[in-house]
């Protein structure tokens, strides 16, 4: 969440009571790409596995599905939680 601060000529600085939600699919995708250091498609099992192995040295456990493997390794790096969040938004 981001709280927007704005300057009001009459009252000085104010904090908006309404918060702007930034956890959109696009925002989560950008955060994943920043961690990855390049543009990747978080829905691609192959790209996800490659970036986790090559960039972060994370080897996912073998499970029945990529989602189960990611869930098992969520605590290894924040990018895994972001990938799961992105996939849940699909």
PDB file of N, CA and C in Angstrom:
ATOM      1  N   UNK A   1       0.828  -1.182   0.000  1.00  0.00           N
ATOM      2  CA  UNK A   1       0.000   0.000   0.000  1.00  0.00           C
ATOM      3  C   UNK A   1       0.875   1.250   0.000  1.00  0.00           C
ATOM      4  N   UNK A   2       0.443   2.260  -0.702  1.00  0.00           N
ATOM      5  CA  UNK A   2       1.135   3.541  -0.721  1.00  0.00           C
ATOM      6  C   UNK A   2       0.164   4.587  -0.183  1.00  0.00           C
ATOM      7  N   UNK A   3       0.629   5.379   0.747  1.00  0.00           N
ATOM      8  CA  UNK A   3      -0.177   6.491   1.236  1.00  0.00           C
ATOM      9  C   UNK A   3       0.290   7.723   0.491  1.00  0.00           C
ATOM     10  N   UNK A   4      -0.632   8.430  -0.118  1.00  0.00           N
ATOM     11  CA  UNK A   4      -0.300   9.610  -0.897  1.00  0.00           C
ATOM     12  C   UNK A   4      -0.341  10.834   0.006  1.00  0.00           C
ATOM     13  N   UNK A   5       0.742  11.595  -0.009  1.00  0.00           N
ATOM     14  CA  UNK A   5       0.821  12.837   0.746  1.00  0.00           C
ATOM     15  C   UNK A   5       0.700  13.963  -0.271  1.00  0.00           C
ATOM     16  N   UNK A   6      -0.137  14.937   0.026  1.00  0.00           N
ATOM     17  CA  UNK A   6      -0.276  16.056  -0.896  1.00  0.00           C
ATOM     18  C   UNK A   6      -0.252  17.359  -0.123  1.00  0.00           C
ATOM     19  N   UNK A   7       0.105  18.424  -0.809  1.00  0.00           N
ATOM     20  CA  UNK A   7       0.174  19.737  -0.170  1.00  0.00           C
ATOM     21  C   UNK A   7      -1.109  20.484  -0.437  1.00  0.00           C
ATOM     22  N   UNK A   8      -1.722  20.888   0.632  1.00  0.00           N
ATOM     23  CA  UNK A   8      -2.943  21.678   0.576  1.00  0.00           C
ATOM     24  C   UNK A   8      -2.559  23.106   0.948  1.00  0.00           C
ATOM     25  N   UNK A   9      -2.894  24.075   0.102  1.00  0.00           N
ATOM     26  CA  UNK A   9      -2.492  25.458   0.354  1.00  0.00           C
ATOM     27  C   UNK A   9      -3.066  26.016   1.648  1.00  0.00           C
ATOM     28  N   UNK A  10      -4.190  25.499   2.057  1.00  0.00           N
ATOM     29  CA  UNK A  10      -4.839  26.039   3.246  1.00  0.00           C
ATOM     30  C   UNK A  10      -4.352  25.355   4.519  1.00  0.00           C
ATOM     31  N   UNK A  11      -4.279  24.030   4.498  1.00  0.00           N
ATOM     32  CA  UNK A  11      -3.956  23.287   5.717  1.00  0.00           C
ATOM     33  C   UNK A  11      -2.511  22.806   5.791  1.00  0.00           C
ATOM     34  N   UNK A  12      -1.738  22.968   4.742  1.00  0.00           N
ATOM     35  CA  UNK A  12      -0.378  22.420   4.738  1.00  0.00           C
ATOM     36  C   UNK A  12      -0.390  21.002   4.195  1.00  0.00           C
ATOM     37  N   UNK A  13       0.511  20.164   4.674  1.00  0.00           N
ATOM     38  CA  UNK A  13       0.586  18.796   4.169  1.00  0.00           C
ATOM     39  C   UNK A  13      -0.509  17.942   4.787  1.00  0.00           C
ATOM     40  N   UNK A  14      -1.115  17.139   3.958  1.00  0.00           N
ATOM     41  CA  UNK A  14      -2.206  16.268   4.365  1.00  0.00           C
ATOM     42  C   UNK A  14      -1.886  14.847   3.931  1.00  0.00           C
ATOM     43  N   UNK A  15      -2.407  13.894   4.646  1.00  0.00           N
ATOM     44  CA  UNK A  15      -2.287  12.496   4.258  1.00  0.00           C
ATOM     45  C   UNK A  15      -3.669  12.035   3.821  1.00  0.00           C
ATOM     46  N   UNK A  16      -3.748  11.472   2.637  1.00  0.00           N
ATOM     47  CA  UNK A  16      -5.049  10.991   2.169  1.00  0.00           C
ATOM     48  C   UNK A  16      -5.475   9.812   3.018  1.00  0.00           C
ATOM     49  N   UNK A  17      -6.710   9.793   3.407  1.00  0.00           N
ATOM     50  CA  UNK A  17      -7.223   8.681   4.193  1.00  0.00           C
ATOM     51  C   UNK A  17      -7.400   7.453   3.321  1.00  0.00           C
ATOM     52  N   UNK A  18      -7.702   7.689   2.064  1.00  0.00           N
ATOM     53  CA  UNK A  18      -7.833   6.566   1.133  1.00  0.00           C
ATOM     54  C   UNK A  18      -6.451   6.185   0.638  1.00  0.00           C
ATOM     55  N   UNK A  19      -6.167   4.917   0.656  1.00  0.00           N
ATOM     56  CA  UNK A  19      -4.874   4.430   0.184  1.00  0.00           C
ATOM     57  C   UNK A  19      -5.046   3.897  -1.229  1.00  0.00           C
ATOM     58  N   UNK A  20      -4.011   4.066  -2.011  1.00  0.00           N
ATOM     59  CA  UNK A  20      -4.037   3.588  -3.384  1.00  0.00           C
ATOM     60  C   UNK A  20      -3.480   2.174  -3.408  1.00  0.00           C
ATOM     61  N   UNK A  21      -4.223   1.265  -3.977  1.00  0.00           N
ATOM     62  CA  UNK A  21      -3.808  -0.124  -4.068  1.00  0.00           C
ATOM     63  C   UNK A  21      -2.853  -0.273  -5.249  1.00  0.00           C
ATOM     64  N   UNK A  22      -1.631  -0.742  -4.978  1.00  0.00           N
ATOM     65  CA  UNK A  22      -0.655  -0.899  -6.052  1.00  0.00           C
ATOM     66  C   UNK A  22      -0.346  -2.364  -6.339  1.00  0.00           C
ATOM     67  N   UNK A  23      -1.045  -3.267  -5.703  1.00  0.00           N
ATOM     68  CA  UNK A  23      -0.808  -4.682  -5.941  1.00  0.00           C
ATOM     69  C   UNK A  23      -1.615  -5.181  -7.137  1.00  0.00           C
ATOM     70  N   UNK A  24      -1.420  -4.519  -8.267  1.00  0.00           N
ATOM     71  CA  UNK A  24      -2.053  -4.961  -9.495  1.00  0.00           C
ATOM     72  C   UNK A  24      -1.155  -5.994 -10.154  1.00  0.00           C
ATOM     73  N   UNK A  25      -1.694  -6.705 -11.086  1.00  0.00           N
ATOM     74  CA  UNK A  25      -0.924  -7.730 -11.791  1.00  0.00           C
ATOM     75  C   UNK A  25       0.291  -7.109 -12.477  1.00  0.00           C
ATOM     76  N   UNK A  26       0.096  -5.953 -13.076  1.00  0.00           N
ATOM     77  CA  UNK A  26       1.190  -5.259 -13.766  1.00  0.00           C
ATOM     78  C   UNK A  26       2.294  -4.859 -12.779  1.00  0.00           C
ATOM     79  N   UNK A  27       1.905  -4.351 -11.614  1.00  0.00           N
ATOM     80  CA  UNK A  27       2.869  -3.937 -10.598  1.00  0.00           C
ATOM     81  C   UNK A  27       3.673  -5.140 -10.090  1.00  0.00           C
ATOM     82  N   UNK A  28       2.991  -6.251  -9.822  1.00  0.00           N
ATOM     83  CA  UNK A  28       3.662  -7.467  -9.352  1.00  0.00           C
ATOM     84  C   UNK A  28       4.621  -7.972 -10.428  1.00  0.00           C
ATOM     85  N   UNK A  29       4.193  -7.925 -11.692  1.00  0.00           N
ATOM     86  CA  UNK A  29       5.062  -8.356 -12.801  1.00  0.00           C
ATOM     87  C   UNK A  29       6.322  -7.502 -12.857  1.00  0.00           C
ATOM     88  N   UNK A  30       6.191  -6.200 -12.707  1.00  0.00           N
ATOM     89  CA  UNK A  30       7.358  -5.314 -12.726  1.00  0.00           C
ATOM     90  C   UNK A  30       8.315  -5.639 -11.589  1.00  0.00           C
ATOM     91  N   UNK A  31       7.781  -5.924 -10.415  1.00  0.00           N
ATOM     92  CA  UNK A  31       8.644  -6.280  -9.276  1.00  0.00           C
ATOM     93  C   UNK A  31       9.398  -7.585  -9.551  1.00  0.00           C
ATOM     94  N   UNK A  32       8.721  -8.547 -10.159  1.00  0.00           N
ATOM     95  CA  UNK A  32       9.375  -9.818 -10.507  1.00  0.00           C
ATOM     96  C   UNK A  32      10.517  -9.553 -11.489  1.00  0.00           C
ATOM     97  N   UNK A  33      10.257  -8.747 -12.498  1.00  0.00           N
ATOM     98  CA  UNK A  33      11.279  -8.452 -13.510  1.00  0.00           C
ATOM     99  C   UNK A  33      12.462  -7.685 -12.916  1.00  0.00           C
ATOM    100  N   UNK A  34      12.200  -6.830 -11.946  1.00  0.00           N
ATOM    101  CA  UNK A  34      13.294  -6.121 -11.276  1.00  0.00           C
ATOM    102  C   UNK A  34      14.183  -7.111 -10.539  1.00  0.00           C
ATOM    103  N   UNK A  35      13.580  -8.024  -9.798  1.00  0.00           N
ATOM    104  CA  UNK A  35      14.369  -9.059  -9.120  1.00  0.00           C
ATOM    105  C   UNK A  35      15.141  -9.903 -10.129  1.00  0.00           C
ATOM    106  N   UNK A  36      14.470 -10.281 -11.211  1.00  0.00           N
ATOM    107  CA  UNK A  36      15.086 -11.165 -12.205  1.00  0.00           C
ATOM    108  C   UNK A  36      16.182 -10.461 -13.006  1.00  0.00           C
ATOM    109  N   UNK A  37      16.091  -9.147 -13.107  1.00  0.00           N
ATOM    110  CA  UNK A  37      17.070  -8.397 -13.884  1.00  0.00           C
ATOM    111  C   UNK A  37      16.798  -8.414 -15.375  1.00  0.00           C
ATOM    112  N   UNK A  38      15.641  -8.955 -15.735  1.00  0.00           N
ATOM    113  CA  UNK A  38      15.226  -8.976 -17.135  1.00  0.00           C
ATOM    114  C   UNK A  38      13.730  -9.257 -17.184  1.00  0.00           C
ATOM    115  N   UNK A  39      13.162  -9.061 -18.359  1.00  0.00           N
ATOM    116  CA  UNK A  39      11.728  -9.287 -18.525  1.00  0.00           C
ATOM    117  C   UNK A  39      11.464 -10.783 -18.647  1.00  0.00           C
ATOM    118  N   UNK A  40      10.663 -11.318 -17.736  1.00  0.00           N
ATOM    119  CA  UNK A  40      10.289 -12.728 -17.816  1.00  0.00           C
ATOM    120  C   UNK A  40       8.771 -12.846 -17.743  1.00  0.00           C
ATOM    121  N   UNK A  41       8.268 -13.973 -18.186  1.00  0.00           N
ATOM    122  CA  UNK A  41       6.842 -14.256 -18.107  1.00  0.00           C
ATOM    123  C   UNK A  41       6.634 -15.187 -16.915  1.00  0.00           C
ATOM    124  N   UNK A  42       6.054 -14.671 -15.822  1.00  0.00           N
ATOM    125  CA  UNK A  42       5.883 -15.478 -14.612  1.00  0.00           C
ATOM    126  C   UNK A  42       4.966 -16.691 -14.774  1.00  0.00           C
ATOM    127  N   UNK A  43       4.185 -16.739 -15.837  1.00  0.00           N
ATOM    128  CA  UNK A  43       3.326 -17.902 -16.084  1.00  0.00           C
ATOM    129  C   UNK A  43       4.073 -19.028 -16.793  1.00  0.00           C
ATOM    130  N   UNK A  44       5.286 -18.755 -17.251  1.00  0.00           N
ATOM    131  CA  UNK A  44       6.078 -19.760 -17.951  1.00  0.00           C
ATOM    132  C   UNK A  44       6.910 -20.550 -16.943  1.00  0.00           C
ATOM    133  N   UNK A  45       6.556 -21.824 -16.768  1.00  0.00           N
ATOM    134  CA  UNK A  45       7.295 -22.679 -15.835  1.00  0.00           C
ATOM    135  C   UNK A  45       8.776 -22.738 -16.196  1.00  0.00           C
ATOM    136  N   UNK A  46       9.060 -22.834 -17.468  1.00  0.00           N
ATOM    137  CA  UNK A  46      10.436 -22.946 -17.940  1.00  0.00           C
ATOM    138  C   UNK A  46      11.250 -21.698 -17.590  1.00  0.00           C
ATOM    139  N   UNK A  47      10.695 -20.510 -17.852  1.00  0.00           N
ATOM    140  CA  UNK A  47      11.397 -19.267 -17.548  1.00  0.00           C
ATOM    141  C   UNK A  47      11.584 -19.086 -16.042  1.00  0.00           C
ATOM    142  N   UNK A  48      10.557 -19.420 -15.280  1.00  0.00           N
ATOM    143  CA  UNK A  48      10.629 -19.283 -13.828  1.00  0.00           C
ATOM    144  C   UNK A  48      11.703 -20.201 -13.260  1.00  0.00           C
ATOM    145  N   UNK A  49      11.682 -21.454 -13.674  1.00  0.00           N
ATOM    146  CA  UNK A  49      12.673 -22.406 -13.172  1.00  0.00           C
ATOM    147  C   UNK A  49      14.089 -21.972 -13.548  1.00  0.00           C
ATOM    148  N   UNK A  50      14.258 -21.483 -14.775  1.00  0.00           N
ATOM    149  CA  UNK A  50      15.566 -21.047 -15.246  1.00  0.00           C
ATOM    150  C   UNK A  50      16.087 -19.864 -14.437  1.00  0.00           C
ATOM    151  N   UNK A  51      15.255 -18.859 -14.211  1.00  0.00           N
ATOM    152  CA  UNK A  51      15.706 -17.662 -13.479  1.00  0.00           C
ATOM    153  C   UNK A  51      15.996 -17.998 -12.021  1.00  0.00           C
ATOM    154  N   UNK A  52      15.183 -18.867 -11.416  1.00  0.00           N
ATOM    155  CA  UNK A  52      15.428 -19.242 -10.021  1.00  0.00           C
ATOM    156  C   UNK A  52      16.738 -20.013  -9.891  1.00  0.00           C
ATOM    157  N   UNK A  53      16.990 -20.901 -10.829  1.00  0.00           N
ATOM    158  CA  UNK A  53      18.206 -21.722 -10.766  1.00  0.00           C
ATOM    159  C   UNK A  53      19.448 -20.906 -11.105  1.00  0.00           C
ATOM    160  N   UNK A  54      19.411 -20.146 -12.195  1.00  0.00           N
ATOM    161  CA  UNK A  54      20.606 -19.442 -12.678  1.00  0.00           C
ATOM    162  C   UNK A  54      20.940 -18.174 -11.887  1.00  0.00           C
ATOM    163  N   UNK A  55      19.933 -17.385 -11.575  1.00  0.00           N
ATOM    164  CA  UNK A  55      20.194 -16.100 -10.910  1.00  0.00           C
ATOM    165  C   UNK A  55      20.226 -16.219  -9.388  1.00  0.00           C
ATOM    166  N   UNK A  56      19.345 -17.049  -8.819  1.00  0.00           N
ATOM    167  CA  UNK A  56      19.217 -17.109  -7.361  1.00  0.00           C
ATOM    168  C   UNK A  56      19.746 -18.412  -6.753  1.00  0.00           C
ATOM    169  N   UNK A  57      20.204 -19.325  -7.598  1.00  0.00           N
ATOM    170  CA  UNK A  57      20.701 -20.626  -7.138  1.00  0.00           C
ATOM    171  C   UNK A  57      19.666 -21.353  -6.271  1.00  0.00           C
ATOM    172  N   UNK A  58      18.412 -21.256  -6.689  1.00  0.00           N
ATOM    173  CA  UNK A  58      17.321 -21.939  -5.998  1.00  0.00           C
ATOM    174  C   UNK A  58      16.892 -23.124  -6.848  1.00  0.00           C
ATOM    175  N   UNK A  59      17.026 -24.291  -6.287  1.00  0.00           N
ATOM    176  CA  UNK A  59      16.594 -25.508  -6.973  1.00  0.00           C
ATOM    177  C   UNK A  59      15.289 -25.960  -6.335  1.00  0.00           C
ATOM    178  N   UNK A  60      14.242 -25.917  -7.116  1.00  0.00           N
ATOM    179  CA  UNK A  60      12.917 -26.246  -6.598  1.00  0.00           C
ATOM    180  C   UNK A  60      12.797 -27.740  -6.317  1.00  0.00           C
ATOM    181  N   UNK A  61      12.081 -28.081  -5.250  1.00  0.00           N
ATOM    182  CA  UNK A  61      11.849 -29.501  -4.971  1.00  0.00           C
ATOM    183  C   UNK A  61      10.913 -30.094  -6.018  1.00  0.00           C
ATOM    184  N   UNK A  62      11.063 -31.380  -6.256  1.00  0.00           N
ATOM    185  CA  UNK A  62      10.188 -32.041  -7.226  1.00  0.00           C
ATOM    186  C   UNK A  62       8.824 -32.268  -6.593  1.00  0.00           C
ATOM    187  N   UNK A  63       7.808 -31.791  -7.255  1.00  0.00           N
ATOM    188  CA  UNK A  63       6.424 -31.958  -6.833  1.00  0.00           C
ATOM    189  C   UNK A  63       5.592 -32.272  -8.074  1.00  0.00           C
ATOM    190  N   UNK A  64       4.306 -32.505  -7.876  1.00  0.00           N
ATOM    191  CA  UNK A  64       3.418 -32.826  -9.004  1.00  0.00           C
ATOM    192  C   UNK A  64       3.231 -31.659  -9.959  1.00  0.00           C
ATOM    193  N   UNK A  65       3.350 -30.439  -9.462  1.00  0.00           N
ATOM    194  CA  UNK A  65       3.171 -29.269 -10.319  1.00  0.00           C
ATOM    195  C   UNK A  65       4.168 -28.188  -9.925  1.00  0.00           C
ATOM    196  N   UNK A  66       4.359 -27.243 -10.841  1.00  0.00           N
ATOM    197  CA  UNK A  66       5.259 -26.123 -10.556  1.00  0.00           C
ATOM    198  C   UNK A  66       4.726 -25.299  -9.395  1.00  0.00           C
ATOM    199  N   UNK A  67       3.415 -25.133  -9.313  1.00  0.00           N
ATOM    200  CA  UNK A  67       2.821 -24.354  -8.214  1.00  0.00           C
ATOM    201  C   UNK A  67       3.133 -24.985  -6.860  1.00  0.00           C
ATOM    202  N   UNK A  68       3.068 -26.309  -6.785  1.00  0.00           N
ATOM    203  CA  UNK A  68       3.399 -26.997  -5.532  1.00  0.00           C
ATOM    204  C   UNK A  68       4.877 -26.820  -5.196  1.00  0.00           C
ATOM    205  N   UNK A  69       5.736 -26.875  -6.199  1.00  0.00           N
ATOM    206  CA  UNK A  69       7.169 -26.679  -5.975  1.00  0.00           C
ATOM    207  C   UNK A  69       7.452 -25.268  -5.474  1.00  0.00           C
ATOM    208  N   UNK A  70       6.810 -24.281  -6.108  1.00  0.00           N
ATOM    209  CA  UNK A  70       6.992 -22.894  -5.684  1.00  0.00           C
ATOM    210  C   UNK A  70       6.489 -22.680  -4.258  1.00  0.00           C
ATOM    211  N   UNK A  71       5.337 -23.245  -3.961  1.00  0.00           N
ATOM    212  CA  UNK A  71       4.770 -23.110  -2.618  1.00  0.00           C
ATOM    213  C   UNK A  71       5.713 -23.702  -1.568  1.00  0.00           C
ATOM    214  N   UNK A  72       6.343 -24.822  -1.893  1.00  0.00           N
ATOM    215  CA  UNK A  72       7.277 -25.463  -0.970  1.00  0.00           C
ATOM    216  C   UNK A  72       8.515 -24.614  -0.720  1.00  0.00           C
ATOM    217  N   UNK A  73       8.873 -23.784  -1.686  1.00  0.00           N
ATOM    218  CA  UNK A  73      10.107 -22.990  -1.589  1.00  0.00           C
ATOM    219  C   UNK A  73       9.851 -21.508  -1.349  1.00  0.00           C
ATOM    220  N   UNK A  74       8.647 -21.140  -0.957  1.00  0.00           N
ATOM    221  CA  UNK A  74       8.275 -19.728  -0.807  1.00  0.00           C
ATOM    222  C   UNK A  74       9.239 -18.948   0.075  1.00  0.00           C
ATOM    223  N   UNK A  75       9.724 -19.549   1.131  1.00  0.00           N
ATOM    224  CA  UNK A  75      10.583 -18.824   2.069  1.00  0.00           C
ATOM    225  C   UNK A  75      12.008 -18.631   1.550  1.00  0.00           C
ATOM    226  N   UNK A  76      12.370 -19.248   0.427  1.00  0.00           N
ATOM    227  CA  UNK A  76      13.729 -19.133  -0.098  1.00  0.00           C
ATOM    228  C   UNK A  76      14.057 -17.741  -0.644  1.00  0.00           C
ATOM    229  N   UNK A  77      13.069 -17.054  -1.215  1.00  0.00           N
ATOM    230  CA  UNK A  77      13.296 -15.711  -1.763  1.00  0.00           C
ATOM    231  C   UNK A  77      11.953 -15.043  -2.014  1.00  0.00           C
ATOM    232  N   UNK A  78      11.926 -13.721  -1.886  1.00  0.00           N
ATOM    233  CA  UNK A  78      10.681 -12.971  -2.082  1.00  0.00           C
ATOM    234  C   UNK A  78      10.106 -13.123  -3.486  1.00  0.00           C
ATOM    235  N   UNK A  79      10.965 -13.333  -4.478  1.00  0.00           N
ATOM    236  CA  UNK A  79      10.478 -13.460  -5.855  1.00  0.00           C
ATOM    237  C   UNK A  79       9.514 -14.636  -6.005  1.00  0.00           C
ATOM    238  N   UNK A  80       9.708 -15.695  -5.227  1.00  0.00           N
ATOM    239  CA  UNK A  80       8.829 -16.859  -5.332  1.00  0.00           C
ATOM    240  C   UNK A  80       7.417 -16.503  -4.886  1.00  0.00           C
ATOM    241  N   UNK A  81       7.303 -15.767  -3.795  1.00  0.00           N
ATOM    242  CA  UNK A  81       5.993 -15.304  -3.336  1.00  0.00           C
ATOM    243  C   UNK A  81       5.328 -14.396  -4.353  1.00  0.00           C
ATOM    244  N   UNK A  82       6.123 -13.558  -5.000  1.00  0.00           N
ATOM    245  CA  UNK A  82       5.580 -12.671  -6.034  1.00  0.00           C
ATOM    246  C   UNK A  82       5.085 -13.465  -7.244  1.00  0.00           C
ATOM    247  N   UNK A  83       5.829 -14.482  -7.623  1.00  0.00           N
ATOM    248  CA  UNK A  83       5.409 -15.327  -8.761  1.00  0.00           C
ATOM    249  C   UNK A  83       4.099 -16.028  -8.435  1.00  0.00           C
ATOM    250  N   UNK A  84       3.994 -16.562  -7.223  1.00  0.00           N
ATOM    251  CA  UNK A  84       2.745 -17.209  -6.826  1.00  0.00           C
ATOM    252  C   UNK A  84       1.588 -16.219  -6.797  1.00  0.00           C
ATOM    253  N   UNK A  85       1.860 -15.014  -6.314  1.00  0.00           N
ATOM    254  CA  UNK A  85       0.823 -13.970  -6.261  1.00  0.00           C
ATOM    255  C   UNK A  85       0.381 -13.607  -7.686  1.00  0.00           C
ATOM    256  N   UNK A  86       1.342 -13.444  -8.592  1.00  0.00           N
ATOM    257  CA  UNK A  86       1.045 -13.116  -9.980  1.00  0.00           C
ATOM    258  C   UNK A  86       0.181 -14.208 -10.613  1.00  0.00           C
ATOM    259  N   UNK A  87       0.564 -15.452 -10.401  1.00  0.00           N
ATOM    260  CA  UNK A  87      -0.186 -16.572 -10.979  1.00  0.00           C
ATOM    261  C   UNK A  87      -1.603 -16.665 -10.412  1.00  0.00           C
ATOM    262  N   UNK A  88      -1.776 -16.309  -9.179  1.00  0.00           N
ATOM    263  CA  UNK A  88      -3.097 -16.330  -8.560  1.00  0.00           C
ATOM    264  C   UNK A  88      -4.004 -15.246  -9.134  1.00  0.00           C
ATOM    265  N   UNK A  89      -3.396 -14.180  -9.645  1.00  0.00           N
ATOM    266  CA  UNK A  89      -4.161 -13.071 -10.237  1.00  0.00           C
ATOM    267  C   UNK A  89      -4.639 -13.396 -11.638  1.00  0.00           C
ATOM    268  N   UNK A  90      -4.115 -14.441 -12.263  1.00  0.00           N
ATOM    269  CA  UNK A  90      -4.465 -14.775 -13.655  1.00  0.00           C
ATOM    270  C   UNK A  90      -5.907 -15.162 -13.806  1.00  0.00           C
TER     271      UNK A  90
END
